[in-house]
C-alpha atoms as a PDB file:
ATOM      1  CA  MET A   1     -19.068 -40.539 -10.664  1.00  0.00           C
ATOM      2  CA  LEU A   2     -17.579 -42.529  -7.602  1.00  0.00           C
ATOM      3  CA  ASN A   3     -14.763 -40.934  -6.001  1.00  0.00           C
ATOM      4  CA  SER A   4     -13.508 -44.228  -4.674  1.00  0.00           C
ATOM      5  CA  HIS A   5     -12.826 -45.506  -8.179  1.00  0.00           C
ATOM      6  CA  LEU A   6     -10.741 -42.534  -9.042  1.00  0.00           C
ATOM      7  CA  LYS A   7      -6.980 -43.267  -8.884  1.00  0.00           C
ATOM      8  CA  TYR A   8      -6.419 -39.782  -7.509  1.00  0.00           C
ATOM      9  CA  PRO A   9      -9.374 -38.414  -5.739  1.00  0.00           C
ATOM     10  CA  PRO A  10      -9.992 -34.610  -5.765  1.00  0.00           C
ATOM     11  CA  ILE A  11      -8.467 -32.449  -3.585  1.00  0.00           C
ATOM     12  CA  LYS A  12     -10.790 -31.375  -0.788  1.00  0.00           C
ATOM     13  CA  LYS A  13     -10.900 -27.637  -0.230  1.00  0.00           C
ATOM     14  CA  THR A  14      -9.091 -26.644   2.855  1.00  0.00           C
ATOM     15  CA  ASN A  15      -8.509 -23.310   4.362  1.00  0.00           C
ATOM     16  CA  ILE A  16      -7.484 -21.259   1.592  1.00  0.00           C
ATOM     17  CA  LYS A  17      -5.961 -18.019   2.728  1.00  0.00           C
ATOM     18  CA  GLU A  18      -6.850 -14.845   1.142  1.00  0.00           C
ATOM     19  CA  LEU A  19      -3.898 -12.925  -0.959  1.00  0.00           C
ATOM     20  CA  PRO A  20      -2.833  -9.626   1.320  1.00  0.00           C
ATOM     21  CA  LYS A  21      -4.320  -6.356  -0.126  1.00  0.00           C
ATOM     22  CA  VAL A  22      -1.376  -5.495  -1.701  1.00  0.00           C
ATOM     23  CA  LEU A  23       2.204  -7.159  -2.901  1.00  0.00           C
ATOM     24  CA  ILE A  24       5.484  -5.448  -3.273  1.00  0.00           C
ATOM     25  CA  TYR A  25       7.659  -6.446  -6.256  1.00  0.00           C
ATOM     26  CA  HIS A  26      11.479  -5.884  -5.515  1.00  0.00           C
ATOM     27  CA  GLN A  27      13.855  -5.469  -8.645  1.00  0.00           C
ATOM     28  CA  SER A  28      17.986  -4.775  -7.556  1.00  0.00           C
ATOM     29  CA  ARG A  29      19.168  -2.335 -10.173  1.00  0.00           C
ATOM     30  CA  ASN A  30      22.894  -1.346 -10.279  1.00  0.00           C
ATOM     31  CA  TYR A  31      23.030   0.735  -6.800  1.00  0.00           C
ATOM     32  CA  TYR A  32      19.007   1.132  -6.335  1.00  0.00           C
ATOM     33  CA  ASP A  33      16.540  -0.759  -5.262  1.00  0.00           C
ATOM     34  CA  ASN A  34      13.127  -0.896  -7.382  1.00  0.00           C
ATOM     35  CA  PHE A  35       9.822  -1.524  -5.493  1.00  0.00           C
ATOM     36  CA  ILE A  36       6.496  -2.044  -7.097  1.00  0.00           C
ATOM     37  CA  LEU A  37       3.246  -2.024  -4.901  1.00  0.00           C
ATOM     38  CA  PHE A  38       0.342  -3.776  -6.571  1.00  0.00           C
ATOM     39  CA  SER A  39      -2.984  -4.005  -5.270  1.00  0.00           C
ATOM     40  CA  THR A  40      -4.409  -7.292  -5.004  1.00  0.00           C
ATOM     41  CA  ASP A  41      -8.361  -5.734  -4.884  1.00  0.00           C
ATOM     42  CA  LYS A  42     -10.043  -6.490  -8.431  1.00  0.00           C
ATOM     43  CA  SER A  43     -11.855  -3.102  -7.913  1.00  0.00           C
ATOM     44  CA  GLU A  44      -8.559  -1.381  -7.649  1.00  0.00           C
ATOM     45  CA  PHE A  45      -7.028  -3.406 -10.478  1.00  0.00           C
ATOM     46  CA  GLY A  46      -3.649  -1.414 -11.983  1.00  0.00           C
ATOM     47  CA  LYS A  47      -3.082   0.922  -9.084  1.00  0.00           C
ATOM     48  CA  GLN A  48       0.510   1.025  -7.963  1.00  0.00           C
ATOM     49  CA  VAL A  49       3.247   2.759  -6.473  1.00  0.00           C
ATOM     50  CA  ILE A  50       6.816   2.833  -7.646  1.00  0.00           C
ATOM     51  CA  MET A  51       9.543   3.435  -5.124  1.00  0.00           C
ATOM     52  CA  LYS A  52      13.645   3.809  -6.162  1.00  0.00           C
ATOM     53  CA  CYS A  53      15.713   3.865  -3.262  1.00  0.00           C
ATOM     54  CA  THR A  54      19.397   3.515  -1.757  1.00  0.00           C
ATOM     55  CA  LYS A  55      21.244   3.541   1.305  1.00  0.00           C
ATOM     56  CA  GLU A  56      23.226   6.726   2.021  1.00  0.00           C
ATOM     57  CA  PHE A  57      25.239   8.351   4.864  1.00  0.00           C
ATOM     58  CA  ILE A  58      23.862  11.842   5.666  1.00  0.00           C
ATOM     59  CA  ASN A  59      24.089  14.799   8.487  1.00  0.00           C
ATOM     60  CA  ARG A  60      21.163  15.424  10.461  1.00  0.00           C
ATOM     61  CA  ASP A  61      20.025  16.476  14.125  1.00  0.00           C
ATOM     62  CA  GLY A  62      23.590  17.749  14.475  1.00  0.00           C
ATOM     63  CA  ARG A  63      25.154  14.223  14.014  1.00  0.00           C
ATOM     64  CA  LYS A  64      27.141  13.317  11.057  1.00  0.00           C
ATOM     65  CA  ASN A  65      27.150  10.108   8.766  1.00  0.00           C
ATOM     66  CA  ILE A  66      23.799   8.794   9.797  1.00  0.00           C
ATOM     67  CA  PRO A  67      22.707   5.985   8.012  1.00  0.00           C
ATOM     68  CA  SER A  68      19.529   6.610   6.014  1.00  0.00           C
ATOM     69  CA  LEU A  69      17.242   5.562   2.847  1.00  0.00           C
ATOM     70  CA  TYR A  70      17.227   7.679   0.361  1.00  0.00           C
ATOM     71  CA  ILE A  71      13.957   7.749  -1.794  1.00  0.00           C
ATOM     72  CA  ASP A  72      15.313   8.898  -5.079  1.00  0.00           C
ATOM     73  CA  ASN A  73      11.496   8.278  -6.830  1.00  0.00           C
ATOM     74  CA  LEU A  74       8.116   7.477  -5.260  1.00  0.00           C
ATOM     75  CA  ILE A  75       5.511   7.733  -7.887  1.00  0.00           C
ATOM     76  CA  SER A  76       1.770   6.588  -7.570  1.00  0.00           C
ATOM     77  CA  ASN A  77      -0.937   6.579  -9.936  1.00  0.00           C
ATOM     78  CA  CYS A  78      -3.653   6.418  -7.308  1.00  0.00           C
ATOM     79  CA  SER A  79      -3.666   9.300  -5.114  1.00  0.00           C
ATOM     80  CA  GLY A  80      -5.823   9.008  -2.015  1.00  0.00           C
ATOM     81  CA  HIS A  81      -6.289   5.350  -1.550  1.00  0.00           C
ATOM     82  CA  GLY A  82      -3.770   4.753   0.957  1.00  0.00           C
ATOM     83  CA  TYR A  83      -0.861   2.873  -0.962  1.00  0.00           C
ATOM     84  CA  GLY A  84       1.578   6.019  -0.801  1.00  0.00           C
ATOM     85  CA  SER A  85       1.397   5.537   2.827  1.00  0.00           C
ATOM     86  CA  LYS A  86       1.702   1.728   2.856  1.00  0.00           C
ATOM     87  CA  MET A  87       4.941   2.177   0.612  1.00  0.00           C
ATOM     88  CA  LEU A  88       6.360   4.755   3.200  1.00  0.00           C
ATOM     89  CA  ASP A  89       5.389   2.150   5.865  1.00  0.00           C
ATOM     90  CA  PHE A  90       7.494  -0.401   3.654  1.00  0.00           C
ATOM     91  CA  ALA A  91      10.137   1.918   3.271  1.00  0.00           C
ATOM     92  CA  THR A  92      10.836   2.530   7.363  1.00  0.00           C
ATOM     93  CA  ASN A  93      10.949  -1.179   7.453  1.00  0.00           C
ATOM     94  CA  TYR A  94      13.302  -1.608   4.782  1.00  0.00           C
ATOM     95  CA  SER A  95      15.591   0.988   6.139  1.00  0.00           C
ATOM     96  CA  LYS A  96      15.674  -1.136   9.456  1.00  0.00           C
ATOM     97  CA  LYS A  97      16.429  -3.997   7.450  1.00  0.00           C
ATOM     98  CA  LEU A  98      19.582  -2.216   5.777  1.00  0.00           C
ATOM     99  CA  GLY A  99      20.844  -0.814   9.318  1.00  0.00           C
ATOM    100  CA  CYS A 100      19.320   2.700   8.804  1.00  0.00           C
ATOM    101  CA  ASN A 101      17.327   2.601  12.136  1.00  0.00           C
ATOM    102  CA  GLY A 102      14.149   3.684  10.025  1.00  0.00           C
ATOM    103  CA  TYR A 103      15.484   6.794   8.790  1.00  0.00           C
ATOM    104  CA  PHE A 104      14.779   7.771   5.387  1.00  0.00           C
ATOM    105  CA  HIS A 105      14.965  10.891   3.323  1.00  0.00           C
ATOM    106  CA  LEU A 106      13.727  12.414  -0.007  1.00  0.00           C
ATOM    107  CA  LEU A 107      13.433  15.410  -2.265  1.00  0.00           C
ATOM    108  CA  ALA A 108       9.888  16.608  -2.260  1.00  0.00           C
ATOM    109  CA  ASP A 109       9.535  17.850  -5.807  1.00  0.00           C
ATOM    110  CA  GLY A 110       6.395  18.991  -7.774  1.00  0.00           C
ATOM    111  CA  CYS A 111       7.861  17.897 -11.155  1.00  0.00           C
ATOM    112  CA  TYR A 112       4.860  15.322 -11.931  1.00  0.00           C
ATOM    113  CA  ASN A 113       1.826  17.658 -10.863  1.00  0.00           C
ATOM    114  CA  PRO A 114       3.060  21.033  -9.932  1.00  0.00           C
ATOM    115  CA  HIS A 115      -0.764  22.050  -9.042  1.00  0.00           C
ATOM    116  CA  ARG A 116      -0.560  19.493  -6.249  1.00  0.00           C
ATOM    117  CA  LEU A 117       2.793  18.912  -4.542  1.00  0.00           C
ATOM    118  CA  PRO A 118       3.703  15.780  -2.404  1.00  0.00           C
ATOM    119  CA  HIS A 119       4.927  18.062   0.721  1.00  0.00           C
ATOM    120  CA  ILE A 120       1.483  17.861   2.217  1.00  0.00           C
ATOM    121  CA  PHE A 121       1.343  14.132   1.990  1.00  0.00           C
ATOM    122  CA  TYR A 122       4.700  13.697   3.230  1.00  0.00           C
ATOM    123  CA  ARG A 123       4.088  16.288   6.300  1.00  0.00           C
ATOM    124  CA  LYS A 124       0.623  14.286   6.913  1.00  0.00           C
ATOM    125  CA  TYR A 125       2.845  11.220   7.199  1.00  0.00           C
ATOM    126  CA  GLY A 126       5.331  12.748   9.768  1.00  0.00           C
ATOM    127  CA  MET A 127       8.135  14.051   7.817  1.00  0.00           C
ATOM    128  CA  SER A 128       9.701  17.263   8.008  1.00  0.00           C
ATOM    129  CA  THR A 129      12.054  19.774   6.463  1.00  0.00           C
ATOM    130  CA  THR A 130      15.414  21.433   7.918  1.00  0.00           C
ATOM    131  CA  ASN A 131      13.169  24.894   7.818  1.00  0.00           C
ATOM    132  CA  TYR A 132      11.029  25.143  10.904  1.00  0.00           C
ATOM    133  CA  LYS A 133       9.165  28.072   8.857  1.00  0.00           C
ATOM    134  CA  ILE A 134       8.194  25.517   5.994  1.00  0.00           C
ATOM    135  CA  ASP A 135       6.990  23.052   8.320  1.00  0.00           C
ATOM    136  CA  LYS A 136       4.698  25.399  10.065  1.00  0.00           C
ATOM    137  CA  LYS A 137       3.379  26.634   6.442  1.00  0.00           C
ATOM    138  CA  LEU A 138       2.831  22.902   5.881  1.00  0.00           C
ATOM    139  CA  ASP A 139       0.877  22.275   8.875  1.00  0.00           C
ATOM    140  CA  LYS A 140      -1.264  25.540   8.451  1.00  0.00           C
ATOM    141  CA  LEU A 141      -2.184  24.210   5.030  1.00  0.00           C
ATOM    142  CA  ILE A 142      -3.083  21.073   6.385  1.00  0.00           C
ATOM    143  CA  LYS A 143      -5.166  22.443   8.759  1.00  0.00           C
ATOM    144  CA  LYS A 144      -7.203  24.309   6.454  1.00  0.00           C
ATOM    145  CA  GLY A 145      -7.465  21.165   4.237  1.00  0.00           C
ATOM    146  CA  LYS A 146      -5.668  22.867   1.288  1.00  0.00           C
ATOM    147  CA  ASN A 147      -3.158  21.643  -1.283  1.00  0.00           C
ATOM    148  CA  ALA A 148       0.032  22.994  -2.149  1.00  0.00           C
ATOM    149  CA  THR A 149       1.113  24.252  -5.671  1.00  0.00           C
ATOM    150  CA  TYR A 150       4.588  25.094  -7.310  1.00  0.00           C
ATOM    151  CA  LYS A 151       3.890  28.774  -6.027  1.00  0.00           C
ATOM    152  CA  ASP A 152       3.759  27.419  -2.478  1.00  0.00           C
ATOM    153  CA  PHE A 153       7.148  25.695  -2.142  1.00  0.00           C
ATOM    154  CA  LYS A 154      10.040  24.880  -3.905  1.00  0.00           C
ATOM    155  CA  THR A 155      12.095  21.391  -3.961  1.00  0.00           C
ATOM    156  CA  GLU A 156      12.577  20.516  -0.274  1.00  0.00           C
ATOM    157  CA  GLU A 157      14.372  17.870   1.479  1.00  0.00           C
ATOM    158  CA  MET A 158      12.239  15.908   3.895  1.00  0.00           C
ATOM    159  CA  PHE A 159      13.242  13.595   6.681  1.00  0.00           C
ATOM    160  CA  TYR A 160      11.482  10.894   8.780  1.00  0.00           C
ATOM    161  CA  PRO A 161      11.538  10.636  11.506  1.00  0.00           C
ATOM    162  CA  PRO A 162      11.090  14.243  11.624  1.00  0.00           C
ATOM    163  CA  ILE A 163      14.115  16.786  12.121  1.00  0.00           C
ATOM    164  CA  LYS A 164      14.288  18.065  15.760  1.00  0.00           C
ATOM    165  CA  HIS A 165      14.391  21.974  15.243  1.00  0.00           C
ATOM    166  CA  PRO A 166      16.026  23.956  18.132  1.00  0.00           C
ATOM    167  CA  GLU A 167      13.901  26.204  20.005  1.00  0.00           C
ATOM    168  CA  SER A 168      14.198  30.140  19.023  1.00  0.00           C
ATOM    169  CA  LYS A 169      16.342  32.053  21.356  1.00  0.00           C
ATOM    170  CA  PHE A 170      13.482  34.103  22.434  1.00  0.00           C
ATOM    171  CA  LYS A 171      11.750  30.592  23.656  1.00  0.00           C
ATOM    172  CA  GLN A 172      14.981  29.793  25.304  1.00  0.00           C
ATOM    173  CA  PHE A 173      15.177  33.115  26.769  1.00  0.00           C
ATOM    174  CA  ILE A 174      11.529  33.064  28.334  1.00  0.00           C
ATOM    175  CA  SER A 175      11.608  29.404  29.333  1.00  0.00           C
ATOM    176  CA  LYS A 176      14.782  30.319  31.560  1.00  0.00           C
ATOM    177  CA  LEU A 177      12.783  33.482  33.101  1.00  0.00           C
ATOM    178  CA  PHE A 178      10.021  31.270  34.365  1.00  0.00           C
ATOM    179  CA  LYS A 179      12.119  28.332  36.033  1.00  0.00           C
END
């Protein structure tokens, strides 16, 4: 068949852009924003991360009423593929968009999988608790390549960027001696 006789010739194939590796769907409900991260890779079909969040004002680093994005839920059905980190990267950018300067916080809890707590994942991402000893314990587990269970930690509030822990009085005393 000759294309020159067609009233509407076929569309020429131009540079078709590929889909991004993940897509994020946004849904606003009451006071919360819901986000669902989907993989566009055929081999990773069905893998997703769900995040429910809202803007809050909190006290941190000795300051009061700091705007921060509170992540109420962060649920993943595909651990170890990097999608949770991508959702936290998105949360940082969304926090900036809301006027929270990239700050977000959440409660790390083992209710979905008590034998593999999310505390380690959040600490690897760069989050911290308000307790210096808990952060050190998490760092030791990470260094050893171990997971945390419900026996290791309770529900902990975690913050990004990390909380600035004050130096111990002993460290302050030693640093003054050698100055």
